[in-house]
């Protein structure tokens, strides 16, 4: 059998016709059913168990319902809903560490594939003068707007879109926690928008992806700076000449 999924707006009756016209050996047939899956908050149960995290004893990431008395250098409120990025995943944790270790004062920053916006929010708290946060998922975008507001951010601009939205824009630092295929495809766009001496910090990749990322970055003239790991996940940073 085969289970296939498609976004409801992309579904048309023509797809059913194609199913019926599939080439099959003589004497065989197919049967199928089409169900509409009602949208639901698949993070609901996970959110109910959402524990606050602390990164390097400096940054606290918590939900709005958490009551934490201890004070930290940076405190970020994230109500993730259906968006990715609370710090619990190894890649987000690694990226938070990278932001804590990098100089952000008066920098222009891009948070590409921003999810909840946790990295964009931390970038502003670290002193960035302008932050652009982009995600192509409407749920993530709406969640991002809420998280920007609840954290009192004034210098984070949110866009629901993709890498095309950075055309003509330049940044001192680009953060991209996505996945290997998108990173390899879009790295040329990042580099085009990266200012001289700018930093590109990547994650969403595994240890097995290191050489592919390094090779691609070298081909585009980037200098490798650091590699950090957490379990099987990796964050890599590069600099543009």
C-alpha atoms as a PDB file:
ATOM      1  CA  UNK A   1       0.000   0.000   0.000  1.00  0.00           C
ATOM      2  CA  UNK A   2       0.893   3.648  -0.231  1.00  0.00           C
ATOM      3  CA  UNK A   3       0.058   6.591   1.984  1.00  0.00           C
ATOM      4  CA  UNK A   4       0.499   9.964   0.279  1.00  0.00           C
ATOM      5  CA  UNK A   5      -0.093  13.428   1.682  1.00  0.00           C
ATOM      6  CA  UNK A   6      -0.680  16.788   0.029  1.00  0.00           C
ATOM      7  CA  UNK A   7      -1.671  20.205   1.344  1.00  0.00           C
ATOM      8  CA  UNK A   8      -5.397  20.733   0.925  1.00  0.00           C
ATOM      9  CA  UNK A   9      -5.053  23.892  -1.239  1.00  0.00           C
ATOM     10  CA  UNK A  10      -2.897  21.922  -3.700  1.00  0.00           C
ATOM     11  CA  UNK A  11      -5.388  19.086  -4.103  1.00  0.00           C
ATOM     12  CA  UNK A  12      -7.565  18.928  -7.227  1.00  0.00           C
ATOM     13  CA  UNK A  13      -9.877  16.304  -8.701  1.00  0.00           C
ATOM     14  CA  UNK A  14      -7.370  15.936 -11.549  1.00  0.00           C
ATOM     15  CA  UNK A  15      -5.151  14.014  -9.148  1.00  0.00           C
ATOM     16  CA  UNK A  16      -7.837  11.360  -8.805  1.00  0.00           C
ATOM     17  CA  UNK A  17      -7.889  10.961 -12.566  1.00  0.00           C
ATOM     18  CA  UNK A  18      -4.136  10.443 -12.533  1.00  0.00           C
ATOM     19  CA  UNK A  19      -4.509   7.749  -9.905  1.00  0.00           C
ATOM     20  CA  UNK A  20      -6.964   5.894 -12.120  1.00  0.00           C
ATOM     21  CA  UNK A  21      -4.669   6.253 -15.137  1.00  0.00           C
ATOM     22  CA  UNK A  22      -1.625   4.769 -13.420  1.00  0.00           C
ATOM     23  CA  UNK A  23       0.102   2.163 -15.579  1.00  0.00           C
ATOM     24  CA  UNK A  24      -0.562  -1.226 -14.054  1.00  0.00           C
ATOM     25  CA  UNK A  25       0.149  -4.757 -15.290  1.00  0.00           C
ATOM     26  CA  UNK A  26      -2.771  -6.313 -17.098  1.00  0.00           C
ATOM     27  CA  UNK A  27      -5.326  -7.832 -14.796  1.00  0.00           C
ATOM     28  CA  UNK A  28      -4.507  -5.660 -11.793  1.00  0.00           C
ATOM     29  CA  UNK A  29      -6.396  -2.755 -10.324  1.00  0.00           C
ATOM     30  CA  UNK A  30      -6.128  -0.276  -7.528  1.00  0.00           C
ATOM     31  CA  UNK A  31      -8.525   0.936  -4.895  1.00  0.00           C
ATOM     32  CA  UNK A  32      -8.039   4.074  -2.887  1.00  0.00           C
ATOM     33  CA  UNK A  33      -9.692   6.468  -0.513  1.00  0.00           C
ATOM     34  CA  UNK A  34      -9.112  10.150   0.075  1.00  0.00           C
ATOM     35  CA  UNK A  35      -9.404  11.662   3.542  1.00  0.00           C
ATOM     36  CA  UNK A  36      -9.108  15.247   4.643  1.00  0.00           C
ATOM     37  CA  UNK A  37      -7.001  15.486   7.779  1.00  0.00           C
ATOM     38  CA  UNK A  38      -8.250  18.165  10.111  1.00  0.00           C
ATOM     39  CA  UNK A  39      -5.503  20.565  11.169  1.00  0.00           C
ATOM     40  CA  UNK A  40      -4.534  20.116  14.782  1.00  0.00           C
ATOM     41  CA  UNK A  41      -1.892  21.297  17.161  1.00  0.00           C
ATOM     42  CA  UNK A  42       0.400  18.285  17.172  1.00  0.00           C
ATOM     43  CA  UNK A  43       2.565  19.964  19.796  1.00  0.00           C
ATOM     44  CA  UNK A  44      -0.281  20.281  22.304  1.00  0.00           C
ATOM     45  CA  UNK A  45       0.703  17.317  24.456  1.00  0.00           C
ATOM     46  CA  UNK A  46       4.376  18.096  24.105  1.00  0.00           C
ATOM     47  CA  UNK A  47       3.753  21.704  25.143  1.00  0.00           C
ATOM     48  CA  UNK A  48       1.949  20.539  28.262  1.00  0.00           C
ATOM     49  CA  UNK A  49       5.185  18.811  29.301  1.00  0.00           C
ATOM     50  CA  UNK A  50       7.408  21.650  28.072  1.00  0.00           C
ATOM     51  CA  UNK A  51      10.217  22.190  30.565  1.00  0.00           C
ATOM     52  CA  UNK A  52      12.304  25.386  30.597  1.00  0.00           C
ATOM     53  CA  UNK A  53      15.906  25.068  29.447  1.00  0.00           C
ATOM     54  CA  UNK A  54      19.075  26.890  30.434  1.00  0.00           C
ATOM     55  CA  UNK A  55      21.954  27.284  27.982  1.00  0.00           C
ATOM     56  CA  UNK A  56      25.461  27.864  29.362  1.00  0.00           C
ATOM     57  CA  UNK A  57      23.986  29.257  32.593  1.00  0.00           C
ATOM     58  CA  UNK A  58      23.298  32.464  30.662  1.00  0.00           C
ATOM     59  CA  UNK A  59      20.105  32.039  28.662  1.00  0.00           C
ATOM     60  CA  UNK A  60      16.762  30.800  29.944  1.00  0.00           C
ATOM     61  CA  UNK A  61      14.131  29.710  27.440  1.00  0.00           C
ATOM     62  CA  UNK A  62      10.732  29.177  29.011  1.00  0.00           C
ATOM     63  CA  UNK A  63       7.029  29.205  28.229  1.00  0.00           C
ATOM     64  CA  UNK A  64       4.836  32.037  29.439  1.00  0.00           C
ATOM     65  CA  UNK A  65       3.312  29.802  32.139  1.00  0.00           C
ATOM     66  CA  UNK A  66       6.650  28.950  33.758  1.00  0.00           C
ATOM     67  CA  UNK A  67       7.442  30.648  37.049  1.00  0.00           C
ATOM     68  CA  UNK A  68      11.228  30.850  37.367  1.00  0.00           C
ATOM     69  CA  UNK A  69      12.605  32.896  40.260  1.00  0.00           C
ATOM     70  CA  UNK A  70      16.284  32.604  39.331  1.00  0.00           C
ATOM     71  CA  UNK A  71      17.506  35.427  37.099  1.00  0.00           C
ATOM     72  CA  UNK A  72      19.620  34.940  33.993  1.00  0.00           C
ATOM     73  CA  UNK A  73      21.478  37.247  31.648  1.00  0.00           C
ATOM     74  CA  UNK A  74      18.929  36.516  28.922  1.00  0.00           C
ATOM     75  CA  UNK A  75      15.375  35.315  29.378  1.00  0.00           C
ATOM     76  CA  UNK A  76      13.235  34.380  26.383  1.00  0.00           C
ATOM     77  CA  UNK A  77       9.570  33.463  26.464  1.00  0.00           C
ATOM     78  CA  UNK A  78       8.615  30.969  23.766  1.00  0.00           C
ATOM     79  CA  UNK A  79       5.158  29.494  23.359  1.00  0.00           C
ATOM     80  CA  UNK A  80       5.924  27.196  20.422  1.00  0.00           C
ATOM     81  CA  UNK A  81       2.454  26.043  19.386  1.00  0.00           C
ATOM     82  CA  UNK A  82       3.168  24.372  16.017  1.00  0.00           C
ATOM     83  CA  UNK A  83       6.583  25.943  15.405  1.00  0.00           C
ATOM     84  CA  UNK A  84      10.082  24.523  15.762  1.00  0.00           C
ATOM     85  CA  UNK A  85      12.623  26.061  18.084  1.00  0.00           C
ATOM     86  CA  UNK A  86      12.461  25.985  21.859  1.00  0.00           C
ATOM     87  CA  UNK A  87      16.042  25.013  22.557  1.00  0.00           C
ATOM     88  CA  UNK A  88      15.177  21.432  23.422  1.00  0.00           C
ATOM     89  CA  UNK A  89      16.369  20.090  20.085  1.00  0.00           C
ATOM     90  CA  UNK A  90      20.128  19.734  19.841  1.00  0.00           C
ATOM     91  CA  UNK A  91      20.420  22.088  16.858  1.00  0.00           C
ATOM     92  CA  UNK A  92      18.519  24.941  18.503  1.00  0.00           C
ATOM     93  CA  UNK A  93      20.578  24.487  21.661  1.00  0.00           C
ATOM     94  CA  UNK A  94      23.772  24.625  19.575  1.00  0.00           C
ATOM     95  CA  UNK A  95      22.605  27.738  17.742  1.00  0.00           C
ATOM     96  CA  UNK A  96      21.757  29.492  21.005  1.00  0.00           C
ATOM     97  CA  UNK A  97      25.286  28.712  22.194  1.00  0.00           C
ATOM     98  CA  UNK A  98      26.678  30.125  18.950  1.00  0.00           C
ATOM     99  CA  UNK A  99      24.691  33.341  19.360  1.00  0.00           C
ATOM    100  CA  UNK A 100      25.918  33.671  22.951  1.00  0.00           C
ATOM    101  CA  UNK A 101      29.514  33.296  21.769  1.00  0.00           C
ATOM    102  CA  UNK A 102      29.266  35.751  18.859  1.00  0.00           C
ATOM    103  CA  UNK A 103      29.402  39.575  18.929  1.00  0.00           C
ATOM    104  CA  UNK A 104      26.003  41.017  17.946  1.00  0.00           C
ATOM    105  CA  UNK A 105      26.187  44.649  19.040  1.00  0.00           C
ATOM    106  CA  UNK A 106      25.093  46.940  16.150  1.00  0.00           C
ATOM    107  CA  UNK A 107      25.000  43.989  13.729  1.00  0.00           C
ATOM    108  CA  UNK A 108      22.391  43.302  11.057  1.00  0.00           C
ATOM    109  CA  UNK A 109      21.132  39.732  11.386  1.00  0.00           C
ATOM    110  CA  UNK A 110      19.129  37.267   9.323  1.00  0.00           C
ATOM    111  CA  UNK A 111      17.426  34.324  11.044  1.00  0.00           C
ATOM    112  CA  UNK A 112      16.517  32.075   8.104  1.00  0.00           C
ATOM    113  CA  UNK A 113      13.965  29.342   8.790  1.00  0.00           C
ATOM    114  CA  UNK A 114      13.375  30.995  12.137  1.00  0.00           C
ATOM    115  CA  UNK A 115      10.555  28.824  13.526  1.00  0.00           C
ATOM    116  CA  UNK A 116       9.545  30.290  16.879  1.00  0.00           C
ATOM    117  CA  UNK A 117      12.025  33.143  16.422  1.00  0.00           C
ATOM    118  CA  UNK A 118      14.092  32.217  19.468  1.00  0.00           C
ATOM    119  CA  UNK A 119      17.378  33.022  17.688  1.00  0.00           C
ATOM    120  CA  UNK A 120      16.073  36.301  16.280  1.00  0.00           C
ATOM    121  CA  UNK A 121      14.837  37.336  19.713  1.00  0.00           C
ATOM    122  CA  UNK A 122      18.147  36.436  21.348  1.00  0.00           C
ATOM    123  CA  UNK A 123      20.007  38.333  18.603  1.00  0.00           C
ATOM    124  CA  UNK A 124      18.147  41.518  19.515  1.00  0.00           C
ATOM    125  CA  UNK A 125      18.778  40.935  23.209  1.00  0.00           C
ATOM    126  CA  UNK A 126      22.474  40.528  22.349  1.00  0.00           C
ATOM    127  CA  UNK A 127      22.518  43.994  20.788  1.00  0.00           C
ATOM    128  CA  UNK A 128      21.723  43.502  17.091  1.00  0.00           C
ATOM    129  CA  UNK A 129      20.440  46.711  15.518  1.00  0.00           C
ATOM    130  CA  UNK A 130      18.237  45.032  12.889  1.00  0.00           C
ATOM    131  CA  UNK A 131      17.019  41.427  12.707  1.00  0.00           C
ATOM    132  CA  UNK A 132      15.087  39.851   9.854  1.00  0.00           C
ATOM    133  CA  UNK A 133      13.319  36.589  10.734  1.00  0.00           C
ATOM    134  CA  UNK A 134      11.932  34.477   7.874  1.00  0.00           C
ATOM    135  CA  UNK A 135       9.972  31.240   7.804  1.00  0.00           C
ATOM    136  CA  UNK A 136       7.929  29.786   4.948  1.00  0.00           C
ATOM    137  CA  UNK A 137       5.355  28.180   7.239  1.00  0.00           C
ATOM    138  CA  UNK A 138       2.268  30.260   8.066  1.00  0.00           C
ATOM    139  CA  UNK A 139       1.907  28.635  11.513  1.00  0.00           C
ATOM    140  CA  UNK A 140       5.505  29.494  12.340  1.00  0.00           C
ATOM    141  CA  UNK A 141       5.043  33.060  11.073  1.00  0.00           C
ATOM    142  CA  UNK A 142       1.992  33.674  13.268  1.00  0.00           C
ATOM    143  CA  UNK A 143       3.775  32.145  16.261  1.00  0.00           C
ATOM    144  CA  UNK A 144       6.824  34.280  15.491  1.00  0.00           C
ATOM    145  CA  UNK A 145       4.717  37.462  15.613  1.00  0.00           C
ATOM    146  CA  UNK A 146       3.352  36.444  19.017  1.00  0.00           C
ATOM    147  CA  UNK A 147       6.785  35.620  20.418  1.00  0.00           C
ATOM    148  CA  UNK A 148       8.249  38.900  19.152  1.00  0.00           C
ATOM    149  CA  UNK A 149       5.505  40.790  20.938  1.00  0.00           C
ATOM    150  CA  UNK A 150       5.627  38.888  24.217  1.00  0.00           C
ATOM    151  CA  UNK A 151       9.413  39.389  24.397  1.00  0.00           C
ATOM    152  CA  UNK A 152       9.082  43.123  23.753  1.00  0.00           C
ATOM    153  CA  UNK A 153      11.251  43.072  20.625  1.00  0.00           C
ATOM    154  CA  UNK A 154      11.484  46.338  18.696  1.00  0.00           C
ATOM    155  CA  UNK A 155      14.098  45.506  16.071  1.00  0.00           C
ATOM    156  CA  UNK A 156      12.896  42.149  14.711  1.00  0.00           C
ATOM    157  CA  UNK A 157      11.057  42.152  11.384  1.00  0.00           C
ATOM    158  CA  UNK A 158       9.036  39.024  10.569  1.00  0.00           C
ATOM    159  CA  UNK A 159       8.382  37.719   7.057  1.00  0.00           C
ATOM    160  CA  UNK A 160       6.465  34.674   5.897  1.00  0.00           C
ATOM    161  CA  UNK A 161       8.530  33.672   2.876  1.00  0.00           C
ATOM    162  CA  UNK A 162      11.716  32.049   1.679  1.00  0.00           C
ATOM    163  CA  UNK A 163      15.234  32.867   0.549  1.00  0.00           C
ATOM    164  CA  UNK A 164      13.889  35.090  -2.236  1.00  0.00           C
ATOM    165  CA  UNK A 165      12.925  37.609   0.433  1.00  0.00           C
ATOM    166  CA  UNK A 166      16.573  38.419   1.134  1.00  0.00           C
ATOM    167  CA  UNK A 167      17.351  39.588  -2.418  1.00  0.00           C
ATOM    168  CA  UNK A 168      18.904  43.038  -2.255  1.00  0.00           C
ATOM    169  CA  UNK A 169      19.409  42.864   1.511  1.00  0.00           C
ATOM    170  CA  UNK A 170      22.729  42.573   3.355  1.00  0.00           C
ATOM    171  CA  UNK A 171      23.633  41.184   6.765  1.00  0.00           C
ATOM    172  CA  UNK A 172      26.594  40.984   9.126  1.00  0.00           C
ATOM    173  CA  UNK A 173      25.420  37.638  10.508  1.00  0.00           C
ATOM    174  CA  UNK A 174      23.208  34.977   8.947  1.00  0.00           C
ATOM    175  CA  UNK A 175      21.748  32.196  11.104  1.00  0.00           C
ATOM    176  CA  UNK A 176      20.254  29.201   9.304  1.00  0.00           C
ATOM    177  CA  UNK A 177      19.025  26.184  11.263  1.00  0.00           C
ATOM    178  CA  UNK A 178      17.248  24.259   8.518  1.00  0.00           C
ATOM    179  CA  UNK A 179      18.393  21.004   6.875  1.00  0.00           C
ATOM    180  CA  UNK A 180      21.212  19.820   4.656  1.00  0.00           C
ATOM    181  CA  UNK A 181      19.437  19.955   1.296  1.00  0.00           C
ATOM    182  CA  UNK A 182      18.089  23.468   1.764  1.00  0.00           C
ATOM    183  CA  UNK A 183      21.413  24.711   3.110  1.00  0.00           C
ATOM    184  CA  UNK A 184      23.315  23.317   0.119  1.00  0.00           C
ATOM    185  CA  UNK A 185      20.776  24.811  -2.288  1.00  0.00           C
ATOM    186  CA  UNK A 186      20.504  28.240  -0.676  1.00  0.00           C
ATOM    187  CA  UNK A 187      24.029  28.875   0.572  1.00  0.00           C
ATOM    188  CA  UNK A 188      24.839  30.884  -2.564  1.00  0.00           C
ATOM    189  CA  UNK A 189      21.991  33.261  -1.709  1.00  0.00           C
ATOM    190  CA  UNK A 190      23.215  33.618   1.857  1.00  0.00           C
ATOM    191  CA  UNK A 191      26.719  34.448   0.664  1.00  0.00           C
ATOM    192  CA  UNK A 192      25.421  37.033  -1.789  1.00  0.00           C
ATOM    193  CA  UNK A 193      23.660  38.815   1.081  1.00  0.00           C
ATOM    194  CA  UNK A 194      26.513  38.420   3.540  1.00  0.00           C
ATOM    195  CA  UNK A 195      28.649  41.524   4.031  1.00  0.00           C
ATOM    196  CA  UNK A 196      32.467  41.270   3.813  1.00  0.00           C
ATOM    197  CA  UNK A 197      33.827  39.658   6.992  1.00  0.00           C
ATOM    198  CA  UNK A 198      30.284  38.569   7.778  1.00  0.00           C
ATOM    199  CA  UNK A 199      29.541  35.340   9.632  1.00  0.00           C
ATOM    200  CA  UNK A 200      27.358  32.449   8.421  1.00  0.00           C
ATOM    201  CA  UNK A 201      26.257  30.058  11.181  1.00  0.00           C
ATOM    202  CA  UNK A 202      24.555  26.855  10.066  1.00  0.00           C
ATOM    203  CA  UNK A 203      22.824  23.973  11.800  1.00  0.00           C
ATOM    204  CA  UNK A 204      20.133  21.385  11.227  1.00  0.00           C
ATOM    205  CA  UNK A 205      22.871  19.070  10.015  1.00  0.00           C
ATOM    206  CA  UNK A 206      24.398  15.817  11.237  1.00  0.00           C
ATOM    207  CA  UNK A 207      28.023  14.854  11.760  1.00  0.00           C
ATOM    208  CA  UNK A 208      27.803  12.912   8.509  1.00  0.00           C
ATOM    209  CA  UNK A 209      26.978  16.185   6.704  1.00  0.00           C
ATOM    210  CA  UNK A 210      30.082  18.070   7.813  1.00  0.00           C
ATOM    211  CA  UNK A 211      32.191  17.434   4.735  1.00  0.00           C
ATOM    212  CA  UNK A 212      29.358  18.252   2.329  1.00  0.00           C
ATOM    213  CA  UNK A 213      28.780  21.596   4.046  1.00  0.00           C
ATOM    214  CA  UNK A 214      32.490  22.372   4.329  1.00  0.00           C
ATOM    215  CA  UNK A 215      33.094  21.539   0.666  1.00  0.00           C
ATOM    216  CA  UNK A 216      30.154  23.664  -0.488  1.00  0.00           C
ATOM    217  CA  UNK A 217      31.248  26.582   1.676  1.00  0.00           C
ATOM    218  CA  UNK A 218      34.829  26.371   0.411  1.00  0.00           C
ATOM    219  CA  UNK A 219      33.614  26.373  -3.185  1.00  0.00           C
ATOM    220  CA  UNK A 220      31.851  29.657  -2.434  1.00  0.00           C
ATOM    221  CA  UNK A 221      34.928  31.223  -0.867  1.00  0.00           C
ATOM    222  CA  UNK A 222      33.966  30.948   2.780  1.00  0.00           C
ATOM    223  CA  UNK A 223      36.495  30.304   5.534  1.00  0.00           C
ATOM    224  CA  UNK A 224      35.570  27.662   8.087  1.00  0.00           C
ATOM    225  CA  UNK A 225      35.770  28.959  11.652  1.00  0.00           C
ATOM    226  CA  UNK A 226      34.210  26.517  14.102  1.00  0.00           C
ATOM    227  CA  UNK A 227      32.356  23.232  14.383  1.00  0.00           C
ATOM    228  CA  UNK A 228      30.362  22.330  17.499  1.00  0.00           C
ATOM    229  CA  UNK A 229      28.494  19.101  18.142  1.00  0.00           C
ATOM    230  CA  UNK A 230      25.737  17.900  20.423  1.00  0.00           C
ATOM    231  CA  UNK A 231      25.017  14.196  20.163  1.00  0.00           C
ATOM    232  CA  UNK A 232      24.896  13.548  16.395  1.00  0.00           C
ATOM    233  CA  UNK A 233      23.984  17.143  15.503  1.00  0.00           C
ATOM    234  CA  UNK A 234      26.324  19.892  14.347  1.00  0.00           C
ATOM    235  CA  UNK A 235      26.617  23.670  14.099  1.00  0.00           C
ATOM    236  CA  UNK A 236      29.254  25.158  11.785  1.00  0.00           C
ATOM    237  CA  UNK A 237      30.342  28.757  11.376  1.00  0.00           C
ATOM    238  CA  UNK A 238      32.029  30.392   8.392  1.00  0.00           C
ATOM    239  CA  UNK A 239      33.330  33.830   7.474  1.00  0.00           C
ATOM    240  CA  UNK A 240      33.164  35.692   4.190  1.00  0.00           C
ATOM    241  CA  UNK A 241      36.378  37.347   2.996  1.00  0.00           C
END
